[in-house]
N, C-alpha and C. Protein backbone atom coordinates (compact mmCIF):
# COMPACT_ATOMS: atom_id res chain seq x y z
N MET A 1 139.61 125.16 82.68
CA MET A 1 139.11 124.15 83.58
C MET A 1 138.37 124.83 84.72
N GLU A 2 137.22 124.29 85.06
CA GLU A 2 136.43 124.83 86.16
C GLU A 2 136.99 124.41 87.50
N SER A 3 136.85 125.27 88.48
CA SER A 3 137.24 124.88 89.83
C SER A 3 135.98 124.53 90.62
N ILE A 4 136.14 123.70 91.61
CA ILE A 4 135.01 123.28 92.44
C ILE A 4 134.75 124.36 93.47
N THR A 5 133.52 124.85 93.50
CA THR A 5 133.18 125.92 94.43
C THR A 5 132.28 125.46 95.57
N GLY A 6 131.72 124.28 95.45
CA GLY A 6 130.82 123.78 96.48
C GLY A 6 131.47 122.71 97.32
N PRO A 7 130.69 122.09 98.18
CA PRO A 7 131.20 121.03 99.06
C PRO A 7 131.77 119.84 98.29
N LEU A 8 132.85 119.31 98.83
CA LEU A 8 133.50 118.12 98.26
C LEU A 8 134.01 117.28 99.42
N LEU A 9 133.72 115.99 99.38
CA LEU A 9 134.18 115.06 100.41
C LEU A 9 134.81 113.84 99.77
N LYS A 10 135.92 113.39 100.34
CA LYS A 10 136.45 112.05 100.06
C LYS A 10 136.86 111.47 101.40
N ALA A 11 136.09 110.47 101.87
CA ALA A 11 136.41 109.72 103.09
C ALA A 11 136.80 108.33 102.65
N TYR A 12 137.72 107.70 103.39
CA TYR A 12 138.23 106.40 102.96
C TYR A 12 138.75 105.61 104.15
N GLY A 13 139.11 104.35 103.87
CA GLY A 13 139.79 103.49 104.84
C GLY A 13 138.90 102.92 105.91
N VAL A 14 139.18 101.68 106.28
CA VAL A 14 138.38 101.01 107.32
C VAL A 14 139.23 100.31 108.36
N GLY A 15 140.54 100.33 108.23
CA GLY A 15 141.39 99.65 109.20
C GLY A 15 141.13 98.15 109.19
N ALA A 16 140.95 97.57 110.37
CA ALA A 16 140.78 96.13 110.49
C ALA A 16 139.32 95.74 110.70
N ALA A 17 138.40 96.45 110.10
CA ALA A 17 136.97 96.22 110.30
C ALA A 17 136.44 95.11 109.38
N SER A 18 135.21 94.69 109.65
CA SER A 18 134.53 93.65 108.86
C SER A 18 133.11 94.07 108.54
N LEU A 19 132.60 93.61 107.39
CA LEU A 19 131.20 93.80 107.03
C LEU A 19 130.40 92.76 107.79
N ALA A 20 129.37 93.20 108.47
CA ALA A 20 128.55 92.31 109.30
C ALA A 20 127.92 91.19 108.48
N ALA A 21 127.72 90.06 109.10
CA ALA A 21 127.08 88.90 108.46
C ALA A 21 125.63 89.20 108.12
N SER A 22 125.17 88.65 107.01
CA SER A 22 123.77 88.70 106.58
C SER A 22 123.17 90.08 106.77
N SER A 23 123.82 91.09 106.21
CA SER A 23 123.36 92.47 106.40
C SER A 23 122.51 92.98 105.24
N TYR A 24 122.31 92.18 104.19
CA TYR A 24 121.50 92.60 103.05
C TYR A 24 120.07 92.13 103.25
N PRO A 25 119.03 92.90 103.04
CA PRO A 25 118.98 94.18 102.35
C PRO A 25 119.01 95.41 103.27
N SER A 26 119.16 95.23 104.57
CA SER A 26 119.16 96.41 105.44
C SER A 26 120.46 97.19 105.37
N GLY A 27 121.58 96.51 105.19
CA GLY A 27 122.87 97.18 105.05
C GLY A 27 123.54 97.49 106.37
N SER A 28 124.87 97.60 106.32
CA SER A 28 125.68 97.98 107.47
C SER A 28 126.55 99.17 107.06
N VAL A 29 126.68 100.14 107.93
CA VAL A 29 127.49 101.32 107.62
C VAL A 29 128.95 100.90 107.46
N VAL A 30 129.57 101.34 106.38
CA VAL A 30 131.00 101.08 106.15
C VAL A 30 131.77 102.11 106.99
N PRO A 31 132.61 101.64 107.91
CA PRO A 31 133.25 102.54 108.89
C PRO A 31 134.46 103.29 108.33
N LEU A 32 134.21 104.24 107.44
CA LEU A 32 135.30 105.03 106.85
C LEU A 32 135.92 105.89 107.94
N GLY A 33 137.22 105.70 108.17
CA GLY A 33 137.86 106.36 109.30
C GLY A 33 138.81 107.48 108.98
N SER A 34 139.05 107.76 107.69
CA SER A 34 140.00 108.82 107.32
C SER A 34 139.34 109.75 106.31
N VAL A 35 139.82 110.98 106.28
CA VAL A 35 139.29 111.98 105.35
C VAL A 35 140.44 112.57 104.56
N ALA A 36 140.35 112.50 103.23
CA ALA A 36 141.37 113.10 102.36
C ALA A 36 141.00 114.54 102.02
N VAL A 37 139.70 114.77 101.75
CA VAL A 37 139.21 116.10 101.40
C VAL A 37 137.84 116.29 102.04
N ASP A 38 137.63 117.43 102.68
CA ASP A 38 136.32 117.79 103.23
C ASP A 38 136.27 119.31 103.29
N THR A 39 135.87 119.92 102.18
CA THR A 39 135.97 121.37 102.05
C THR A 39 135.06 122.14 103.00
N TYR A 40 134.03 121.50 103.52
CA TYR A 40 133.11 122.18 104.45
C TYR A 40 133.10 121.56 105.84
N GLY A 41 133.94 120.57 106.09
CA GLY A 41 134.04 119.97 107.42
C GLY A 41 132.78 119.25 107.87
N GLY A 42 132.11 118.55 106.96
CA GLY A 42 130.85 117.90 107.30
C GLY A 42 130.94 116.43 107.67
N TYR A 43 132.12 115.79 107.53
CA TYR A 43 132.22 114.36 107.81
C TYR A 43 132.60 114.10 109.25
N SER A 44 131.94 113.12 109.88
CA SER A 44 132.24 112.72 111.25
C SER A 44 132.80 111.30 111.24
N THR A 45 134.03 111.13 111.73
CA THR A 45 134.60 109.78 111.83
C THR A 45 133.96 109.01 112.98
N LEU A 46 133.24 109.69 113.86
CA LEU A 46 132.53 108.99 114.96
C LEU A 46 131.23 108.37 114.47
N THR A 47 130.43 109.13 113.71
CA THR A 47 129.14 108.62 113.23
C THR A 47 129.25 107.99 111.85
N ARG A 48 130.39 108.21 111.17
CA ARG A 48 130.65 107.69 109.82
C ARG A 48 129.68 108.29 108.81
N GLY A 49 129.23 109.51 109.06
CA GLY A 49 128.29 110.16 108.16
C GLY A 49 128.74 111.55 107.75
N TYR A 50 128.25 112.00 106.61
CA TYR A 50 128.55 113.33 106.09
C TYR A 50 127.28 114.15 106.17
N THR A 51 127.33 115.24 106.93
CA THR A 51 126.20 116.16 107.04
C THR A 51 126.29 117.16 105.90
N ILE A 52 125.27 117.17 105.07
CA ILE A 52 125.24 118.03 103.88
C ILE A 52 125.20 119.51 104.31
N PRO A 53 126.22 120.29 103.91
CA PRO A 53 126.27 121.68 104.34
C PRO A 53 125.49 122.65 103.45
N VAL A 54 125.30 122.30 102.17
CA VAL A 54 124.65 123.17 101.20
C VAL A 54 123.65 122.33 100.41
N ALA A 55 122.41 122.76 100.35
CA ALA A 55 121.40 122.03 99.59
C ALA A 55 121.76 122.02 98.11
N GLY A 56 121.34 120.96 97.43
CA GLY A 56 121.56 120.90 95.99
C GLY A 56 121.71 119.49 95.49
N ARG A 57 122.27 119.38 94.32
CA ARG A 57 122.47 118.10 93.64
C ARG A 57 123.91 117.67 93.88
N TYR A 58 124.08 116.41 94.30
CA TYR A 58 125.40 115.86 94.59
C TYR A 58 125.64 114.62 93.75
N LEU A 59 126.86 114.48 93.27
CA LEU A 59 127.30 113.23 92.68
C LEU A 59 127.86 112.40 93.82
N ALA A 60 127.26 111.25 94.05
CA ALA A 60 127.68 110.37 95.14
C ALA A 60 128.33 109.13 94.54
N TYR A 61 129.50 108.77 95.07
CA TYR A 61 130.20 107.56 94.64
C TYR A 61 130.72 106.85 95.89
N GLY A 62 130.58 105.55 95.92
CA GLY A 62 131.14 104.78 97.02
C GLY A 62 131.54 103.40 96.55
N GLN A 63 132.48 102.81 97.26
CA GLN A 63 132.89 101.44 96.95
C GLN A 63 133.46 100.80 98.20
N TYR A 64 133.36 99.49 98.24
CA TYR A 64 134.07 98.73 99.27
C TYR A 64 134.54 97.44 98.65
N SER A 65 135.56 96.87 99.25
CA SER A 65 136.14 95.63 98.77
C SER A 65 136.38 94.73 99.98
N LEU A 66 136.14 93.44 99.80
CA LEU A 66 136.28 92.48 100.90
C LEU A 66 137.37 91.46 100.58
N GLN A 67 137.88 90.83 101.62
CA GLN A 67 138.81 89.72 101.46
C GLN A 67 138.05 88.53 100.86
N PRO A 68 138.73 87.58 100.22
CA PRO A 68 138.05 86.41 99.67
C PRO A 68 137.23 85.67 100.75
N SER A 69 136.11 85.12 100.33
CA SER A 69 135.21 84.42 101.24
C SER A 69 135.21 82.92 100.93
N SER A 70 134.86 82.12 101.92
CA SER A 70 134.80 80.68 101.71
C SER A 70 133.40 80.21 101.31
N SER A 71 132.48 81.14 101.12
CA SER A 71 131.13 80.77 100.70
C SER A 71 130.66 81.70 99.57
N THR A 72 129.63 81.28 98.84
CA THR A 72 129.06 82.13 97.81
C THR A 72 128.32 83.26 98.49
N VAL A 73 128.62 84.48 98.08
CA VAL A 73 127.99 85.64 98.72
C VAL A 73 127.50 86.64 97.69
N LEU A 74 126.42 87.32 98.02
CA LEU A 74 125.95 88.48 97.28
C LEU A 74 126.53 89.69 98.00
N LEU A 75 127.11 90.60 97.26
CA LEU A 75 127.61 91.85 97.83
C LEU A 75 126.87 93.01 97.16
N ALA A 76 126.50 94.01 97.94
CA ALA A 76 125.82 95.19 97.41
C ALA A 76 126.36 96.43 98.12
N CYS A 77 126.34 97.57 97.40
CA CYS A 77 126.85 98.82 97.96
C CYS A 77 125.79 99.90 97.73
N GLY A 78 125.64 100.80 98.69
CA GLY A 78 124.68 101.88 98.55
C GLY A 78 124.92 102.96 99.57
N VAL A 79 123.95 103.84 99.71
CA VAL A 79 124.00 104.90 100.71
C VAL A 79 122.66 104.97 101.43
N THR A 80 122.70 105.50 102.64
CA THR A 80 121.48 105.86 103.34
C THR A 80 121.48 107.37 103.50
N VAL A 81 120.30 107.94 103.49
CA VAL A 81 120.13 109.36 103.75
C VAL A 81 119.24 109.47 104.99
N ASN A 82 119.77 110.11 106.02
CA ASN A 82 119.05 110.29 107.29
C ASN A 82 118.61 108.97 107.91
N GLY A 83 119.41 107.93 107.72
CA GLY A 83 119.12 106.64 108.33
C GLY A 83 118.00 105.86 107.67
N GLY A 84 117.53 106.29 106.51
CA GLY A 84 116.45 105.59 105.82
C GLY A 84 116.93 104.31 105.17
N SER A 85 116.06 103.69 104.40
CA SER A 85 116.40 102.46 103.68
C SER A 85 117.53 102.74 102.69
N PRO A 86 118.44 101.79 102.53
CA PRO A 86 119.54 102.00 101.59
C PRO A 86 119.05 102.19 100.16
N GLN A 87 119.73 103.07 99.45
CA GLN A 87 119.57 103.19 98.00
C GLN A 87 120.74 102.41 97.43
N TRP A 88 120.46 101.23 96.85
CA TRP A 88 121.52 100.33 96.42
C TRP A 88 122.02 100.68 95.03
N GLY A 89 123.31 100.47 94.84
CA GLY A 89 123.95 100.61 93.53
C GLY A 89 124.07 99.23 92.92
N ASP A 90 125.29 98.85 92.55
CA ASP A 90 125.44 97.53 91.94
C ASP A 90 125.57 96.44 92.99
N SER A 91 125.39 95.22 92.53
CA SER A 91 125.55 94.05 93.40
C SER A 91 126.24 92.97 92.56
N ALA A 92 126.88 92.05 93.24
CA ALA A 92 127.61 90.99 92.54
C ALA A 92 127.63 89.74 93.40
N TYR A 93 127.63 88.58 92.75
CA TYR A 93 127.81 87.31 93.45
C TYR A 93 129.26 86.88 93.29
N PHE A 94 129.84 86.36 94.36
CA PHE A 94 131.19 85.83 94.32
C PHE A 94 131.17 84.39 94.78
N ALA A 95 131.89 83.54 94.04
CA ALA A 95 131.93 82.10 94.31
C ALA A 95 132.85 81.80 95.49
N PRO A 96 132.63 80.66 96.16
CA PRO A 96 133.48 80.29 97.29
C PRO A 96 134.93 80.13 96.87
N GLY A 97 135.82 80.59 97.73
CA GLY A 97 137.24 80.40 97.51
C GLY A 97 137.81 81.15 96.33
N ALA A 98 137.06 82.13 95.80
CA ALA A 98 137.59 82.91 94.67
C ALA A 98 138.92 83.53 95.08
N SER A 99 139.88 83.47 94.17
CA SER A 99 141.20 83.99 94.53
C SER A 99 141.23 85.51 94.56
N LEU A 100 140.25 86.15 93.95
CA LEU A 100 140.19 87.60 93.96
C LEU A 100 139.22 88.08 95.02
N ALA A 101 139.58 89.15 95.69
CA ALA A 101 138.66 89.77 96.64
C ALA A 101 137.52 90.39 95.85
N GLY A 102 136.36 90.50 96.48
CA GLY A 102 135.21 91.05 95.80
C GLY A 102 134.72 92.31 96.46
N GLY A 103 133.88 93.02 95.74
CA GLY A 103 133.31 94.24 96.29
C GLY A 103 132.20 94.74 95.40
N ALA A 104 131.69 95.90 95.76
CA ALA A 104 130.60 96.51 95.01
C ALA A 104 130.77 98.02 95.07
N SER A 105 130.04 98.72 94.20
CA SER A 105 130.15 100.17 94.17
C SER A 105 128.77 100.81 94.00
N PHE A 106 128.74 102.12 94.15
CA PHE A 106 127.51 102.90 94.07
C PHE A 106 127.84 104.21 93.38
N SER A 107 127.02 104.62 92.44
CA SER A 107 127.20 105.91 91.79
C SER A 107 125.84 106.44 91.39
N ARG A 108 125.54 107.66 91.84
CA ARG A 108 124.22 108.22 91.55
C ARG A 108 124.23 109.71 91.87
N TYR A 109 123.38 110.45 91.17
CA TYR A 109 123.12 111.83 91.57
C TYR A 109 122.01 111.83 92.60
N LEU A 110 122.19 112.61 93.66
CA LEU A 110 121.20 112.71 94.73
C LEU A 110 120.84 114.17 94.95
N ARG A 111 119.57 114.48 95.14
CA ARG A 111 119.16 115.82 95.53
C ARG A 111 119.04 115.81 97.05
N LEU A 112 119.85 116.64 97.70
CA LEU A 112 119.94 116.61 99.16
C LEU A 112 119.69 117.99 99.76
N ALA A 113 119.13 118.00 100.95
CA ALA A 113 118.87 119.24 101.69
C ALA A 113 119.99 119.48 102.70
N ALA A 114 120.23 120.72 103.02
CA ALA A 114 121.21 121.04 104.06
C ALA A 114 120.78 120.33 105.34
N GLY A 115 121.71 119.67 106.00
CA GLY A 115 121.41 118.94 107.23
C GLY A 115 121.17 117.45 107.02
N ASP A 116 120.93 117.01 105.78
CA ASP A 116 120.81 115.57 105.52
C ASP A 116 122.13 114.89 105.86
N VAL A 117 122.05 113.64 106.34
CA VAL A 117 123.25 112.89 106.67
C VAL A 117 123.34 111.67 105.76
N VAL A 118 124.46 111.56 105.04
CA VAL A 118 124.67 110.48 104.08
C VAL A 118 125.74 109.54 104.62
N LYS A 119 125.45 108.23 104.56
CA LYS A 119 126.41 107.21 105.00
C LYS A 119 126.53 106.13 103.92
N LEU A 120 127.75 105.65 103.73
CA LEU A 120 128.00 104.54 102.82
C LEU A 120 127.63 103.24 103.52
N VAL A 121 126.90 102.36 102.83
CA VAL A 121 126.52 101.08 103.42
C VAL A 121 126.90 99.93 102.49
N GLY A 122 127.19 98.80 103.10
CA GLY A 122 127.46 97.58 102.37
C GLY A 122 126.49 96.50 102.83
N GLY A 123 126.24 95.55 101.96
CA GLY A 123 125.36 94.45 102.32
C GLY A 123 125.93 93.15 101.80
N THR A 124 125.68 92.08 102.54
CA THR A 124 126.11 90.75 102.12
C THR A 124 125.09 89.72 102.60
N THR A 125 125.06 88.58 101.91
CA THR A 125 124.21 87.47 102.34
C THR A 125 125.03 86.40 103.03
N SER A 126 126.29 86.70 103.30
CA SER A 126 127.17 85.74 103.97
C SER A 126 126.65 85.41 105.36
N GLY A 127 126.86 84.18 105.79
CA GLY A 127 126.45 83.78 107.13
C GLY A 127 127.43 84.21 108.21
N SER A 128 128.54 84.79 107.80
CA SER A 128 129.52 85.27 108.77
C SER A 128 130.09 86.59 108.28
N SER A 129 130.70 87.35 109.18
CA SER A 129 131.28 88.63 108.77
C SER A 129 132.49 88.38 107.87
N ILE A 130 132.79 89.34 107.01
CA ILE A 130 133.92 89.25 106.08
C ILE A 130 134.76 90.51 106.25
N SER A 131 136.05 90.33 106.37
CA SER A 131 136.95 91.47 106.56
C SER A 131 137.04 92.31 105.29
N TYR A 132 137.09 93.64 105.50
CA TYR A 132 137.31 94.55 104.38
C TYR A 132 138.74 94.40 103.88
N ASN A 133 138.91 94.61 102.59
CA ASN A 133 140.24 94.66 101.99
C ASN A 133 140.66 96.13 102.04
N ALA A 134 141.61 96.47 102.87
CA ALA A 134 141.96 97.86 103.11
C ALA A 134 143.26 98.28 102.44
N SER A 135 143.67 97.55 101.41
CA SER A 135 144.97 97.86 100.80
C SER A 135 144.83 98.63 99.50
N GLY A 136 145.62 99.67 99.36
CA GLY A 136 145.77 100.41 98.10
C GLY A 136 144.50 100.72 97.36
N VAL A 137 144.44 100.31 96.09
CA VAL A 137 143.31 100.64 95.23
C VAL A 137 142.02 99.97 95.68
N ASN A 138 142.11 98.95 96.52
CA ASN A 138 140.92 98.26 97.02
C ASN A 138 140.28 98.99 98.19
N GLU A 139 140.92 100.03 98.67
CA GLU A 139 140.44 100.72 99.87
C GLU A 139 139.01 101.23 99.70
N CYS A 140 138.23 101.10 100.75
CA CYS A 140 136.85 101.57 100.74
C CYS A 140 136.85 103.10 100.69
N ARG A 141 135.85 103.67 100.01
CA ARG A 141 135.78 105.12 99.93
C ARG A 141 134.38 105.62 99.61
N MET A 142 134.13 106.87 99.99
CA MET A 142 132.90 107.57 99.62
C MET A 142 133.29 108.97 99.18
N ILE A 143 132.75 109.38 98.03
CA ILE A 143 132.99 110.71 97.50
C ILE A 143 131.63 111.36 97.28
N LEU A 144 131.49 112.57 97.78
CA LEU A 144 130.29 113.38 97.53
C LEU A 144 130.74 114.72 96.98
N MET A 145 130.21 115.09 95.82
CA MET A 145 130.59 116.35 95.19
C MET A 145 129.34 117.14 94.81
N TRP A 146 129.24 118.34 95.34
CA TRP A 146 128.13 119.23 95.01
C TRP A 146 128.26 119.66 93.56
N THR A 147 127.17 119.53 92.80
CA THR A 147 127.21 119.88 91.37
C THR A 147 126.31 121.06 91.04
N GLY A 148 125.66 121.62 92.02
CA GLY A 148 124.80 122.78 91.80
C GLY A 148 123.43 122.61 92.42
N ILE A 149 122.62 123.61 92.22
CA ILE A 149 121.28 123.61 92.82
C ILE A 149 120.28 122.95 91.91
């Protein structure tokens, strides 16, 4: 089995935060407040961004989950690099009063330069903010893993 020799990040958790109302397609930064793994110390819980320490190709994964909503909403998940336009992953519509909480995820390989800042973003078409679902497997998270040059 190979061991990971490059940068690896797993940031997670949002506490009692909410996704801003009508934030799609511009997106709102998901306020990940905890770090499980950060082999190069590049994540800032203040800016909610990961500064890329080593140039190369990264596998990026992110997800967020929201509490049930009382209106039909589009949810989308993505990342921004250096504050640019979001690169969106999947999106989903959820019906009003659905008994299950909804969310979206993002997975993509990104070519990044040292010093680039990556942030997880969420988007919704809801007319009001929706609380994140911060419990267990529903917890919001972003993982960035360097896969080589």
